[in-house]
Amino acid sequence: QVQLVESGGGLVQAGGSLRLSCAFSGRTFSNHVMGWFRQAPGKEREFVAAITWTGNNRQYAHSVAGRFTISTGNAKNTVYLEMNSLKPEDTAVYYCAAGPVLTGAPSVYDYWGQGTQVTVSS
């Protein structure tokens, strides 16, 4: 059974940093793309960042470019999202996902985690 489990969320003040982790098991994702999405209350799920498993290609939403960094772990079963200079508008539930192509479209991703809450206070 494929599982993606996010961790690292929490409450942080504006300007602070958090590092999210996504550990997955049940299969290998060496041919997949790993992505991070977020969903704030009353809003649709939106793309944050994605990375090919080789790490050669990354994509970021305009709203997080220059502040967030997506990376894969040496253990090959973890993907990270380093979030710096956090803003109150970054408050959301953050999800990791695995999909076949590098895209910001959530519908393309096949596997999803349960999410981790990130709250940024002003």
Protein backbone atom coordinates (compact mmCIF):
# COMPACT_ATOMS: atom_id res chain seq x y z
CA GLN A 1 0.00 0.00 0.00
CA VAL A 2 1.38 3.37 -1.02
CA GLN A 3 1.67 5.89 1.78
CA LEU A 4 2.83 9.48 1.76
CA VAL A 5 3.17 11.03 5.21
CA GLU A 6 3.85 14.72 5.72
CA SER A 7 5.41 16.21 8.83
CA GLY A 8 7.00 19.43 10.01
CA GLY A 9 4.02 21.74 10.02
CA GLY A 10 3.23 24.05 12.88
CA LEU A 11 2.73 27.62 14.05
CA VAL A 12 5.36 30.20 13.14
CA GLN A 13 5.56 33.97 13.14
CA ALA A 14 5.72 35.94 9.92
CA GLY A 15 9.27 36.01 8.62
CA GLY A 16 10.05 32.65 10.16
CA SER A 17 10.92 29.32 8.59
CA LEU A 18 9.65 25.76 8.54
CA ARG A 19 10.83 22.58 6.86
CA LEU A 20 8.22 20.11 5.72
CA SER A 21 9.05 16.48 5.06
CA CYS A 22 7.18 13.87 3.06
CA ALA A 23 8.14 10.26 3.63
CA PHE A 24 6.69 7.70 1.28
CA SER A 25 6.56 3.93 1.25
CA GLY A 26 4.93 1.10 -0.58
CA ARG A 27 6.61 1.66 -3.91
CA THR A 28 9.45 3.52 -5.53
CA PHE A 29 8.87 6.83 -7.21
CA SER A 30 12.06 6.98 -9.24
CA ASN A 31 10.09 7.73 -12.41
CA HIS A 32 7.70 10.14 -10.77
CA VAL A 33 7.55 13.78 -9.95
CA MET A 34 7.06 14.82 -6.33
CA GLY A 35 5.00 17.88 -5.65
CA TRP A 36 3.80 20.07 -2.81
CA PHE A 37 0.37 21.66 -2.83
CA ARG A 38 -1.54 23.68 -0.26
CA GLN A 39 -5.14 24.45 0.53
CA ALA A 40 -6.35 27.31 2.66
CA PRO A 41 -9.87 27.36 4.15
CA GLY A 42 -12.46 28.21 1.52
CA LYS A 43 -9.94 28.05 -1.31
CA GLU A 44 -9.03 25.51 -3.94
CA ARG A 45 -5.92 23.39 -3.64
CA GLU A 46 -3.03 25.19 -5.27
CA PHE A 47 0.36 24.21 -6.57
CA VAL A 48 3.42 25.16 -4.53
CA ALA A 49 6.44 23.33 -5.95
CA ALA A 50 7.46 20.16 -7.77
CA ILE A 51 10.66 18.31 -8.51
CA THR A 52 11.69 15.43 -10.74
CA TRP A 53 13.15 12.59 -8.78
CA THR A 54 16.58 13.15 -10.33
CA GLY A 55 16.43 16.70 -8.98
CA ASN A 56 17.30 18.14 -12.37
CA ASN A 57 14.06 20.05 -12.81
CA ARG A 58 12.01 22.07 -10.37
CA GLN A 59 8.97 24.27 -10.65
CA TYR A 60 7.64 26.82 -8.19
CA ALA A 61 4.49 28.86 -7.92
CA HIS A 62 5.17 32.56 -8.40
CA SER A 63 3.93 33.26 -4.90
CA VAL A 64 6.69 31.15 -3.29
CA ALA A 65 9.58 31.43 -5.75
CA GLY A 66 12.69 32.69 -4.00
CA ARG A 67 11.32 31.81 -0.56
CA PHE A 68 10.63 28.06 -0.77
CA THR A 69 12.97 25.28 -1.88
CA ILE A 70 11.94 21.74 -2.81
CA SER A 71 14.48 18.94 -2.60
CA THR A 72 14.76 15.17 -2.40
CA GLY A 73 16.51 13.28 0.35
CA ASN A 74 19.56 11.05 0.11
CA ALA A 75 17.49 8.12 1.32
CA LYS A 76 15.41 8.37 -1.87
CA ASN A 77 12.15 8.08 -0.04
CA THR A 78 11.76 11.61 1.27
CA VAL A 79 10.99 14.97 -0.28
CA TYR A 80 11.37 18.26 1.56
CA LEU A 81 9.96 21.74 1.34
CA GLU A 82 12.10 24.40 2.98
CA MET A 83 9.97 27.48 3.61
CA ASN A 84 11.59 30.79 4.49
CA SER A 85 10.30 34.34 4.94
CA LEU A 86 6.87 32.94 5.68
CA LYS A 87 3.85 35.20 5.33
CA PRO A 88 0.36 34.94 6.84
CA GLU A 89 -0.97 34.16 3.37
CA ASP A 90 1.13 30.98 3.38
CA THR A 91 -1.21 29.58 6.04
CA ALA A 92 -2.76 26.37 4.70
CA VAL A 93 -2.75 22.62 4.89
CA TYR A 94 0.24 21.43 2.88
CA TYR A 95 0.08 18.17 0.93
CA CYS A 96 2.74 16.19 -0.85
CA ALA A 97 1.88 14.20 -3.93
CA ALA A 98 3.44 11.95 -6.55
CA GLY A 99 2.63 12.15 -10.24
CA PRO A 100 3.92 11.16 -13.68
CA VAL A 101 4.89 14.57 -15.07
CA LEU A 102 6.23 17.91 -13.88
CA THR A 103 3.12 20.00 -13.68
CA GLY A 104 1.23 22.24 -11.32
CA ALA A 105 -2.11 20.59 -12.07
CA PRO A 106 -3.30 18.64 -9.01
CA SER A 107 -5.49 16.34 -11.10
CA VAL A 108 -2.41 14.79 -12.68
CA TYR A 109 -0.99 13.55 -9.39
CA ASP A 110 -1.83 9.96 -8.48
CA TYR A 111 -0.86 9.68 -4.83
CA TRP A 112 -1.47 12.10 -1.97
CA GLY A 113 -0.59 12.44 1.66
CA GLN A 114 -3.01 13.50 4.39
CA GLY A 115 -1.53 16.95 4.83
CA THR A 116 0.16 18.97 7.54
CA GLN A 117 -1.08 22.31 8.87
CA VAL A 118 1.09 25.39 8.54
CA THR A 119 -0.06 28.53 10.33
CA VAL A 120 1.79 31.82 10.01
CA SER A 121 0.86 34.51 12.50
CA SER A 122 1.25 38.21 11.75
